[in-house]
Amino acid sequence: MLIRQLEQTYHAAVETAPAGEDAPVLLHNSGFAQPTQGVVETFALSRQGEIDPTGIIAWFYYAFLG
């Protein structure tokens, strides 16, 4: 009922997701951390509200694997 009302009032498309489904993740990093983004993606991406660890991992990656 709410979806139909929103679609009619605002001429918008409303899409719902099932409960428990994770939101998509978009990583946006600086030029320093961008090359190590693939390392983070191979493990696990951060969820909504969590810190993106790519910048932190970049320091250790460059220091140890240089």
Protein backbone atom coordinates (compact mmCIF):
# COMPACT_ATOMS: atom_id res chain seq x y z
CA MET A 1 0.00 0.00 0.00
CA LEU A 2 2.80 2.42 0.89
CA ILE A 3 4.76 1.46 -2.22
CA ARG A 4 1.80 2.07 -4.49
CA GLN A 5 1.10 5.43 -2.85
CA LEU A 6 4.72 6.55 -3.28
CA GLU A 7 4.79 5.47 -6.91
CA GLN A 8 1.58 7.33 -7.71
CA THR A 9 2.39 10.49 -5.74
CA TYR A 10 6.01 11.01 -6.79
CA HIS A 11 6.14 9.09 -10.10
CA ALA A 12 9.02 7.06 -8.72
CA ALA A 13 9.95 3.39 -8.87
CA VAL A 14 10.16 1.77 -5.45
CA GLU A 15 12.16 -1.41 -5.01
CA THR A 16 12.38 -3.42 -1.82
CA ALA A 17 15.03 -5.91 -0.75
CA PRO A 18 14.49 -9.02 1.34
CA ALA A 19 15.45 -8.75 5.00
CA GLY A 20 18.99 -9.81 5.78
CA GLU A 21 20.41 -8.99 2.35
CA ASP A 22 23.66 -7.01 2.50
CA ALA A 23 23.87 -3.66 0.79
CA PRO A 24 26.36 -3.33 -2.09
CA VAL A 25 29.77 -1.88 -1.24
CA LEU A 26 31.57 0.79 -3.25
CA LEU A 27 35.18 1.44 -2.25
CA HIS A 28 36.58 4.91 -2.94
CA ASN A 29 40.25 5.27 -2.04
CA SER A 30 43.07 7.71 -2.70
CA GLY A 31 45.83 7.07 -5.21
CA PHE A 32 48.02 5.75 -2.39
CA ALA A 33 45.60 3.03 -1.31
CA GLN A 34 43.98 2.27 -4.69
CA PRO A 35 46.54 -0.41 -5.75
CA THR A 36 45.93 -2.41 -2.55
CA GLN A 37 42.15 -2.37 -2.89
CA GLY A 38 42.28 -5.78 -4.58
CA VAL A 39 43.90 -7.26 -1.47
CA VAL A 40 40.96 -6.12 0.66
CA GLU A 41 38.43 -7.38 -1.89
CA THR A 42 39.89 -10.90 -1.76
CA PHE A 43 39.10 -11.21 1.94
CA ALA A 44 35.91 -9.45 3.00
CA LEU A 45 34.44 -6.06 2.26
CA SER A 46 33.34 -3.81 5.08
CA ARG A 47 29.65 -3.55 5.81
CA GLN A 48 27.57 -0.43 6.14
CA GLY A 49 28.78 1.69 9.04
CA GLU A 50 32.20 0.00 9.24
CA ILE A 51 35.56 1.56 8.40
CA ASP A 52 37.12 0.75 5.03
CA PRO A 53 40.43 -0.97 5.95
CA THR A 54 42.11 -0.36 2.58
CA GLY A 55 44.09 2.70 3.74
CA ILE A 56 45.38 0.91 6.83
CA ILE A 57 46.29 -2.24 4.91
CA ALA A 58 48.11 -0.14 2.30
CA TRP A 59 50.68 1.04 4.88
CA PHE A 60 51.46 -2.51 6.02
CA TYR A 61 51.44 -3.86 2.47
CA TYR A 62 53.97 -1.28 1.26
CA ALA A 63 56.14 -1.62 4.40
CA PHE A 64 56.35 -5.42 4.39
CA LEU A 65 56.06 -6.26 0.70
CA GLY A 66 57.34 -2.96 -0.64
